[in-house]
Amino acid sequence: PVLRLLETQLQEQKREHEEEMGTLRNKMELMQEELEKQQQAFLQTLQLSPEAQVDFGLQQEITRLTNENLDLKELLEKLEKSEKQMKKQLKTYRKKVQDFEASQETVTEECKSPEGNIPMAVQRKEKNFQGMLEYYKEDEPRLIQNLIT
């Protein structure tokens, strides 16, 4: 049993290693292709006149900046979308807190007697509950308050 477990783990590690090696080979091939393209572009640039080299360099820089700008715009859009979602969540949580605080005030006022600080007598029926209780989400703050008191 232990030997089989170790053999299984070894096979799993071997499979993961082979997958990782395949991924790294693909990355290496892509990098080699990119390097070859850059070398060809560099050799072509060297064959150009000095003015053409400057123009080519400017075109390359414009292309790089344009791509960078597009990436930044995409990132900005993602951040704005995230900000909107967080604002919605914040608004929801604020509403829940306000509702909870309002229910706390209501529970506190219900517990006070009209004569002042004399506590009201509460009659309770003895019931035998078994299992789970079902309740509405909006009744949760009041249920929690009742459990505490």
N, C-alpha and C. Protein backbone atom coordinates (compact mmCIF):
# COMPACT_ATOMS: atom_id res chain seq x y z
N PRO A 1 0.82 -1.20 0.00
CA PRO A 1 0.00 0.00 0.00
C PRO A 1 0.87 1.27 0.00
N VAL A 2 1.90 1.32 0.84
CA VAL A 2 2.75 2.50 0.92
C VAL A 2 3.53 2.66 -0.38
N LEU A 3 4.00 1.53 -0.91
CA LEU A 3 4.76 1.56 -2.15
C LEU A 3 3.91 2.06 -3.31
N ARG A 4 2.66 1.64 -3.35
CA ARG A 4 1.74 2.10 -4.41
C ARG A 4 1.46 3.59 -4.27
N LEU A 5 1.30 4.03 -3.04
CA LEU A 5 1.06 5.46 -2.80
C LEU A 5 2.25 6.28 -3.28
N LEU A 6 3.45 5.84 -2.93
CA LEU A 6 4.65 6.55 -3.37
C LEU A 6 4.79 6.51 -4.89
N GLU A 7 4.45 5.37 -5.48
CA GLU A 7 4.52 5.25 -6.94
C GLU A 7 3.52 6.19 -7.61
N THR A 8 2.33 6.28 -7.06
CA THR A 8 1.30 7.18 -7.58
C THR A 8 1.77 8.63 -7.48
N GLN A 9 2.34 8.98 -6.32
CA GLN A 9 2.84 10.34 -6.15
C GLN A 9 3.96 10.65 -7.12
N LEU A 10 4.84 9.69 -7.34
CA LEU A 10 5.94 9.87 -8.29
C LEU A 10 5.41 10.06 -9.70
N GLN A 11 4.42 9.29 -10.08
CA GLN A 11 3.83 9.43 -11.42
C GLN A 11 3.16 10.79 -11.57
N GLU A 12 2.48 11.24 -10.52
CA GLU A 12 1.83 12.55 -10.55
C GLU A 12 2.86 13.66 -10.70
N GLN A 13 3.95 13.58 -9.96
CA GLN A 13 5.01 14.58 -10.06
C GLN A 13 5.65 14.55 -11.45
N LYS A 14 5.82 13.37 -11.99
CA LYS A 14 6.40 13.23 -13.33
C LYS A 14 5.49 13.87 -14.37
N ARG A 15 4.17 13.63 -14.25
CA ARG A 15 3.20 14.22 -15.18
C ARG A 15 3.22 15.75 -15.07
N GLU A 16 3.22 16.27 -13.86
CA GLU A 16 3.27 17.72 -13.66
C GLU A 16 4.56 18.30 -14.23
N HIS A 17 5.67 17.60 -14.02
CA HIS A 17 6.96 18.06 -14.54
C HIS A 17 6.94 18.10 -16.06
N GLU A 18 6.37 17.07 -16.68
CA GLU A 18 6.29 17.03 -18.15
C GLU A 18 5.41 18.15 -18.68
N GLU A 19 4.30 18.43 -18.01
CA GLU A 19 3.43 19.53 -18.42
C GLU A 19 4.16 20.86 -18.31
N GLU A 20 4.87 21.04 -17.21
CA GLU A 20 5.63 22.28 -17.01
C GLU A 20 6.72 22.42 -18.06
N MET A 21 7.38 21.33 -18.37
CA MET A 21 8.44 21.36 -19.40
C MET A 21 7.84 21.72 -20.76
N GLY A 22 6.68 21.18 -21.08
CA GLY A 22 6.01 21.50 -22.34
C GLY A 22 5.66 22.98 -22.40
N THR A 23 5.15 23.51 -21.33
CA THR A 23 4.81 24.94 -21.26
C THR A 23 6.06 25.80 -21.44
N LEU A 24 7.12 25.42 -20.76
CA LEU A 24 8.37 26.18 -20.88
C LEU A 24 8.95 26.09 -22.29
N ARG A 25 8.84 24.93 -22.92
CA ARG A 25 9.32 24.79 -24.31
C ARG A 25 8.55 25.71 -25.24
N ASN A 26 7.22 25.76 -25.05
CA ASN A 26 6.39 26.65 -25.88
C ASN A 26 6.80 28.11 -25.69
N LYS A 27 7.01 28.50 -24.43
CA LYS A 27 7.43 29.87 -24.15
C LYS A 27 8.78 30.16 -24.79
N MET A 28 9.69 29.19 -24.71
CA MET A 28 11.01 29.36 -25.28
C MET A 28 10.93 29.51 -26.81
N GLU A 29 10.08 28.71 -27.45
CA GLU A 29 9.92 28.83 -28.91
C GLU A 29 9.36 30.19 -29.29
N LEU A 30 8.38 30.67 -28.52
CA LEU A 30 7.80 31.99 -28.80
C LEU A 30 8.85 33.08 -28.63
N MET A 31 9.67 32.96 -27.59
CA MET A 31 10.72 33.95 -27.36
C MET A 31 11.77 33.91 -28.47
N GLN A 32 12.09 32.71 -28.95
CA GLN A 32 13.07 32.60 -30.05
C GLN A 32 12.52 33.24 -31.31
N GLU A 33 11.23 33.03 -31.59
CA GLU A 33 10.61 33.65 -32.76
C GLU A 33 10.65 35.17 -32.63
N GLU A 34 10.30 35.66 -31.44
CA GLU A 34 10.32 37.11 -31.21
C GLU A 34 11.73 37.67 -31.36
N LEU A 35 12.71 36.95 -30.86
CA LEU A 35 14.11 37.37 -30.98
C LEU A 35 14.53 37.43 -32.45
N GLU A 36 14.15 36.43 -33.21
CA GLU A 36 14.48 36.43 -34.64
C GLU A 36 13.84 37.61 -35.36
N LYS A 37 12.60 37.91 -35.02
CA LYS A 37 11.92 39.07 -35.63
C LYS A 37 12.65 40.36 -35.27
N GLN A 38 13.03 40.48 -34.01
CA GLN A 38 13.73 41.69 -33.58
C GLN A 38 15.10 41.80 -34.25
N GLN A 39 15.79 40.67 -34.41
CA GLN A 39 17.09 40.69 -35.08
C GLN A 39 16.93 41.11 -36.54
N GLN A 40 15.91 40.59 -37.22
CA GLN A 40 15.67 40.97 -38.61
C GLN A 40 15.34 42.45 -38.71
N ALA A 41 14.50 42.93 -37.80
CA ALA A 41 14.15 44.36 -37.80
C ALA A 41 15.39 45.20 -37.55
N PHE A 42 16.25 44.76 -36.65
CA PHE A 42 17.47 45.49 -36.33
C PHE A 42 18.40 45.54 -37.55
N LEU A 43 18.55 44.38 -38.23
CA LEU A 43 19.41 44.34 -39.43
C LEU A 43 18.85 45.25 -40.53
N GLN A 44 17.55 45.25 -40.69
CA GLN A 44 16.93 46.13 -41.69
C GLN A 44 17.14 47.59 -41.31
N THR A 45 17.06 47.88 -40.03
CA THR A 45 17.26 49.25 -39.57
C THR A 45 18.69 49.71 -39.84
N LEU A 46 19.64 48.84 -39.65
CA LEU A 46 21.04 49.20 -39.90
C LEU A 46 21.29 49.52 -41.37
N GLN A 47 20.54 48.91 -42.26
CA GLN A 47 20.72 49.14 -43.69
C GLN A 47 20.07 50.44 -44.16
N LEU A 48 19.24 51.03 -43.31
CA LEU A 48 18.56 52.27 -43.69
C LEU A 48 19.48 53.47 -43.49
N SER A 49 19.07 54.56 -44.12
CA SER A 49 19.80 55.81 -43.95
C SER A 49 19.55 56.34 -42.54
N PRO A 50 20.39 57.27 -42.05
CA PRO A 50 20.19 57.79 -40.69
C PRO A 50 18.80 58.40 -40.47
N GLU A 51 18.26 59.12 -41.46
CA GLU A 51 16.92 59.70 -41.29
C GLU A 51 15.86 58.61 -41.21
N ALA A 52 16.03 57.58 -42.04
CA ALA A 52 15.07 56.48 -42.04
C ALA A 52 15.16 55.71 -40.72
N GLN A 53 16.37 55.61 -40.16
CA GLN A 53 16.53 54.94 -38.87
C GLN A 53 15.79 55.69 -37.77
N VAL A 54 15.88 57.02 -37.81
CA VAL A 54 15.18 57.85 -36.83
C VAL A 54 13.67 57.67 -36.99
N ASP A 55 13.19 57.69 -38.25
CA ASP A 55 11.76 57.51 -38.50
C ASP A 55 11.30 56.14 -38.01
N PHE A 56 12.10 55.13 -38.30
CA PHE A 56 11.74 53.78 -37.87
C PHE A 56 11.71 53.69 -36.34
N GLY A 57 12.68 54.28 -35.70
CA GLY A 57 12.72 54.30 -34.24
C GLY A 57 11.50 55.00 -33.66
N LEU A 58 11.12 56.11 -34.29
CA LEU A 58 9.93 56.84 -33.82
C LEU A 58 8.67 56.00 -34.01
N GLN A 59 8.58 55.32 -35.15
CA GLN A 59 7.42 54.46 -35.38
C GLN A 59 7.34 53.34 -34.34
N GLN A 60 8.49 52.76 -34.04
CA GLN A 60 8.52 51.70 -33.03
C GLN A 60 8.07 52.23 -31.67
N GLU A 61 8.55 53.41 -31.31
CA GLU A 61 8.19 54.00 -30.02
C GLU A 61 6.71 54.35 -29.98
N ILE A 62 6.18 54.87 -31.08
CA ILE A 62 4.75 55.19 -31.16
C ILE A 62 3.92 53.92 -30.99
N THR A 63 4.35 52.86 -31.66
CA THR A 63 3.64 51.59 -31.55
C THR A 63 3.67 51.08 -30.11
N ARG A 64 4.83 51.15 -29.49
CA ARG A 64 4.96 50.68 -28.11
C ARG A 64 4.08 51.49 -27.16
N LEU A 65 4.11 52.82 -27.34
CA LEU A 65 3.29 53.68 -26.47
C LEU A 65 1.80 53.47 -26.71
N THR A 66 1.41 53.23 -27.95
CA THR A 66 0.01 52.97 -28.25
C THR A 66 -0.46 51.69 -27.57
N ASN A 67 0.36 50.65 -27.67
CA ASN A 67 0.00 49.39 -27.01
C ASN A 67 -0.07 49.55 -25.50
N GLU A 68 0.88 50.28 -24.95
CA GLU A 68 0.88 50.53 -23.50
C GLU A 68 -0.36 51.32 -23.10
N ASN A 69 -0.73 52.30 -23.93
CA ASN A 69 -1.91 53.12 -23.66
C ASN A 69 -3.18 52.26 -23.67
N LEU A 70 -3.27 51.36 -24.65
CA LEU A 70 -4.44 50.48 -24.72
C LEU A 70 -4.52 49.57 -23.49
N ASP A 71 -3.37 49.06 -23.07
CA ASP A 71 -3.34 48.22 -21.86
C ASP A 71 -3.79 49.01 -20.64
N LEU A 72 -3.34 50.26 -20.55
CA LEU A 72 -3.72 51.09 -19.40
C LEU A 72 -5.22 51.42 -19.44
N LYS A 73 -5.76 51.66 -20.63
CA LYS A 73 -7.20 51.92 -20.74
C LYS A 73 -8.00 50.71 -20.31
N GLU A 74 -7.55 49.54 -20.70
CA GLU A 74 -8.23 48.30 -20.31
C GLU A 74 -8.19 48.13 -18.79
N LEU A 75 -7.04 48.39 -18.21
CA LEU A 75 -6.90 48.31 -16.77
C LEU A 75 -7.81 49.32 -16.07
N LEU A 76 -7.87 50.53 -16.62
CA LEU A 76 -8.73 51.57 -16.05
C LEU A 76 -10.19 51.14 -16.09
N GLU A 77 -10.61 50.55 -17.20
CA GLU A 77 -12.00 50.10 -17.31
C GLU A 77 -12.30 49.02 -16.27
N LYS A 78 -11.36 48.10 -16.08
CA LYS A 78 -11.56 47.06 -15.08
C LYS A 78 -11.67 47.66 -13.68
N LEU A 79 -10.79 48.64 -13.39
CA LEU A 79 -10.81 49.27 -12.07
C LEU A 79 -12.11 50.05 -11.85
N GLU A 80 -12.59 50.73 -12.90
CA GLU A 80 -13.85 51.47 -12.77
C GLU A 80 -15.01 50.52 -12.53
N LYS A 81 -15.00 49.39 -13.23
CA LYS A 81 -16.06 48.40 -13.03
C LYS A 81 -16.01 47.86 -11.61
N SER A 82 -14.81 47.59 -11.13
CA SER A 82 -14.64 47.10 -9.77
C SER A 82 -15.10 48.16 -8.77
N GLU A 83 -14.78 49.41 -9.03
CA GLU A 83 -15.20 50.50 -8.15
C GLU A 83 -16.73 50.58 -8.07
N LYS A 84 -17.40 50.45 -9.21
CA LYS A 84 -18.87 50.48 -9.22
C LYS A 84 -19.45 49.34 -8.40
N GLN A 85 -18.87 48.15 -8.56
CA GLN A 85 -19.36 47.01 -7.78
C GLN A 85 -19.16 47.23 -6.29
N MET A 86 -18.00 47.78 -5.93
CA MET A 86 -17.73 48.02 -4.51
C MET A 86 -18.64 49.10 -3.95
N LYS A 87 -18.95 50.12 -4.76
CA LYS A 87 -19.88 51.16 -4.30
C LYS A 87 -21.27 50.57 -4.07
N LYS A 88 -21.69 49.66 -4.96
CA LYS A 88 -23.00 49.02 -4.78
C LYS A 88 -23.00 48.19 -3.50
N GLN A 89 -21.91 47.46 -3.27
CA GLN A 89 -21.81 46.66 -2.05
C GLN A 89 -21.84 47.55 -0.82
N LEU A 90 -21.10 48.65 -0.87
CA LEU A 90 -21.07 49.58 0.25
C LEU A 90 -22.46 50.13 0.53
N LYS A 91 -23.18 50.49 -0.52
CA LYS A 91 -24.53 51.01 -0.36
C LYS A 91 -25.43 49.96 0.28
N THR A 92 -25.29 48.71 -0.16
CA THR A 92 -26.08 47.62 0.40
C THR A 92 -25.75 47.43 1.87
N TYR A 93 -24.47 47.43 2.20
CA TYR A 93 -24.06 47.24 3.60
C TYR A 93 -24.51 48.40 4.47
N ARG A 94 -24.44 49.61 3.94
CA ARG A 94 -24.92 50.77 4.71
C ARG A 94 -26.40 50.62 5.01
N LYS A 95 -27.17 50.19 4.02
CA LYS A 95 -28.60 50.01 4.21
C LYS A 95 -28.86 48.94 5.27
N LYS A 96 -28.09 47.85 5.21
CA LYS A 96 -28.26 46.79 6.21
C LYS A 96 -27.94 47.30 7.61
N VAL A 97 -26.88 48.09 7.73
CA VAL A 97 -26.51 48.64 9.03
C VAL A 97 -27.60 49.58 9.53
N GLN A 98 -28.13 50.42 8.65
CA GLN A 98 -29.19 51.34 9.05
C GLN A 98 -30.44 50.56 9.49
N ASP A 99 -30.78 49.52 8.72
CA ASP A 99 -31.93 48.70 9.08
C ASP A 99 -31.71 48.02 10.43
N PHE A 100 -30.48 47.52 10.63
CA PHE A 100 -30.16 46.86 11.89
C PHE A 100 -30.26 47.85 13.04
N GLU A 101 -29.69 49.04 12.87
CA GLU A 101 -29.74 50.04 13.93
C GLU A 101 -31.17 50.45 14.21
N ALA A 102 -31.98 50.60 13.15
CA ALA A 102 -33.38 50.96 13.35
C ALA A 102 -34.11 49.86 14.10
N SER A 103 -33.83 48.61 13.77
CA SER A 103 -34.49 47.51 14.47
C SER A 103 -34.02 47.44 15.92
N GLN A 104 -32.77 47.80 16.18
CA GLN A 104 -32.27 47.83 17.55
C GLN A 104 -33.01 48.89 18.37
N GLU A 105 -33.21 50.04 17.73
CA GLU A 105 -33.93 51.11 18.43
C GLU A 105 -35.37 50.70 18.70
N THR A 106 -35.99 50.01 17.74
CA THR A 106 -37.36 49.55 17.90
C THR A 106 -37.46 48.53 19.03
N VAL A 107 -36.52 47.59 19.06
CA VAL A 107 -36.51 46.58 20.12
C VAL A 107 -36.30 47.24 21.48
N THR A 108 -35.40 48.22 21.54
CA THR A 108 -35.13 48.92 22.80
C THR A 108 -36.38 49.66 23.26
N GLU A 109 -37.08 50.32 22.34
CA GLU A 109 -38.29 51.06 22.72
C GLU A 109 -39.40 50.11 23.15
N GLU A 110 -39.49 48.93 22.52
CA GLU A 110 -40.53 47.97 22.88
C GLU A 110 -40.31 47.42 24.29
N CYS A 111 -39.04 47.31 24.67
CA CYS A 111 -38.73 46.75 25.99
C CYS A 111 -39.01 47.74 27.12
N LYS A 112 -39.05 49.03 26.84
CA LYS A 112 -39.30 50.03 27.89
C LYS A 112 -40.79 50.09 28.18
N SER A 113 -41.14 50.20 29.44
CA SER A 113 -42.54 50.31 29.81
C SER A 113 -42.95 51.78 29.75
N PRO A 114 -44.24 52.05 29.63
CA PRO A 114 -44.68 53.44 29.58
C PRO A 114 -44.45 54.18 30.88
N GLU A 115 -44.29 53.49 32.03
CA GLU A 115 -44.11 54.16 33.30
C GLU A 115 -42.68 54.56 33.58
N GLY A 116 -41.75 54.21 32.75
CA GLY A 116 -40.37 54.59 33.01
C GLY A 116 -39.46 53.39 32.94
N ASN A 117 -38.68 53.19 34.03
CA ASN A 117 -37.67 52.14 34.03
C ASN A 117 -38.16 50.82 34.61
N ILE A 118 -39.43 50.67 34.84
CA ILE A 118 -39.96 49.43 35.40
C ILE A 118 -40.06 48.42 34.25
N PRO A 119 -39.37 47.31 34.37
CA PRO A 119 -39.43 46.33 33.27
C PRO A 119 -40.79 45.69 33.16
N MET A 120 -41.18 45.40 31.96
CA MET A 120 -42.47 44.78 31.72
C MET A 120 -42.34 43.28 31.92
N ALA A 121 -43.39 42.66 32.42
CA ALA A 121 -43.40 41.21 32.60
C ALA A 121 -43.76 40.57 31.27
N VAL A 122 -42.97 39.59 30.90
CA VAL A 122 -43.20 38.91 29.65
C VAL A 122 -43.61 37.48 29.96
N GLN A 123 -44.76 37.10 29.45
CA GLN A 123 -45.20 35.73 29.66
C GLN A 123 -44.71 34.89 28.49
N ARG A 124 -44.18 33.76 28.83
CA ARG A 124 -43.65 32.87 27.79
C ARG A 124 -44.35 31.52 27.90
N LYS A 125 -44.64 31.00 26.74
CA LYS A 125 -45.21 29.66 26.71
C LYS A 125 -44.06 28.68 26.56
N GLU A 126 -44.13 27.61 27.31
CA GLU A 126 -43.09 26.59 27.19
C GLU A 126 -43.39 25.75 25.95
N LYS A 127 -42.43 25.73 25.04
CA LYS A 127 -42.58 24.94 23.82
C LYS A 127 -41.36 24.06 23.67
N ASN A 128 -41.56 22.93 23.08
CA ASN A 128 -40.46 22.01 22.84
C ASN A 128 -40.14 22.06 21.35
N PHE A 129 -39.01 22.73 21.00
CA PHE A 129 -38.61 22.84 19.59
C PHE A 129 -37.51 21.83 19.31
N GLN A 130 -37.61 21.23 18.16
CA GLN A 130 -36.57 20.31 17.73
C GLN A 130 -36.24 20.64 16.28
N GLY A 131 -34.98 20.57 15.93
CA GLY A 131 -34.57 20.80 14.55
C GLY A 131 -34.24 22.25 14.27
N MET A 132 -34.33 22.61 13.02
CA MET A 132 -33.95 23.96 12.60
C MET A 132 -35.18 24.86 12.57
N LEU A 133 -34.94 26.15 12.77
CA LEU A 133 -36.01 27.14 12.69
C LEU A 133 -35.91 27.88 11.37
N GLU A 134 -37.07 28.24 10.83
CA GLU A 134 -37.09 29.01 9.59
C GLU A 134 -37.45 30.45 9.95
N TYR A 135 -36.78 31.40 9.31
CA TYR A 135 -37.05 32.81 9.59
C TYR A 135 -36.77 33.62 8.33
N TYR A 136 -37.33 34.81 8.31
CA TYR A 136 -37.09 35.73 7.19
C TYR A 136 -35.82 36.52 7.44
N LYS A 137 -35.14 36.84 6.36
CA LYS A 137 -33.86 37.56 6.45
C LYS A 137 -34.04 38.89 7.17
N GLU A 138 -35.15 39.58 6.92
CA GLU A 138 -35.36 40.89 7.54
C GLU A 138 -35.62 40.79 9.05
N ASP A 139 -35.98 39.59 9.52
CA ASP A 139 -36.21 39.39 10.95
C ASP A 139 -34.93 39.00 11.69
N GLU A 140 -33.83 38.85 10.97
CA GLU A 140 -32.59 38.38 11.58
C GLU A 140 -32.09 39.28 12.72
N PRO A 141 -32.04 40.62 12.55
CA PRO A 141 -31.56 41.45 13.68
C PRO A 141 -32.42 41.29 14.93
N ARG A 142 -33.71 41.21 14.74
CA ARG A 142 -34.61 41.06 15.90
C ARG A 142 -34.42 39.70 16.55
N LEU A 143 -34.24 38.66 15.72
CA LEU A 143 -34.01 37.31 16.24
C LEU A 143 -32.72 37.28 17.05
N ILE A 144 -31.67 37.90 16.54
CA ILE A 144 -30.40 37.94 17.26
C ILE A 144 -30.55 38.67 18.58
N GLN A 145 -31.24 39.79 18.56
CA GLN A 145 -31.47 40.55 19.79
C GLN A 145 -32.23 39.71 20.81
N ASN A 146 -33.25 38.98 20.35
CA ASN A 146 -34.02 38.13 21.25
C ASN A 146 -33.18 36.99 21.81
N LEU A 147 -32.29 36.46 21.00
CA LEU A 147 -31.41 35.40 21.49
C LEU A 147 -30.46 35.94 22.56
N ILE A 148 -29.99 37.15 22.37
CA ILE A 148 -29.08 37.73 23.34
C ILE A 148 -29.78 38.03 24.65
N THR A 149 -30.97 38.59 24.59
CA THR A 149 -31.69 38.92 25.82
C THR A 149 -32.40 37.70 26.33
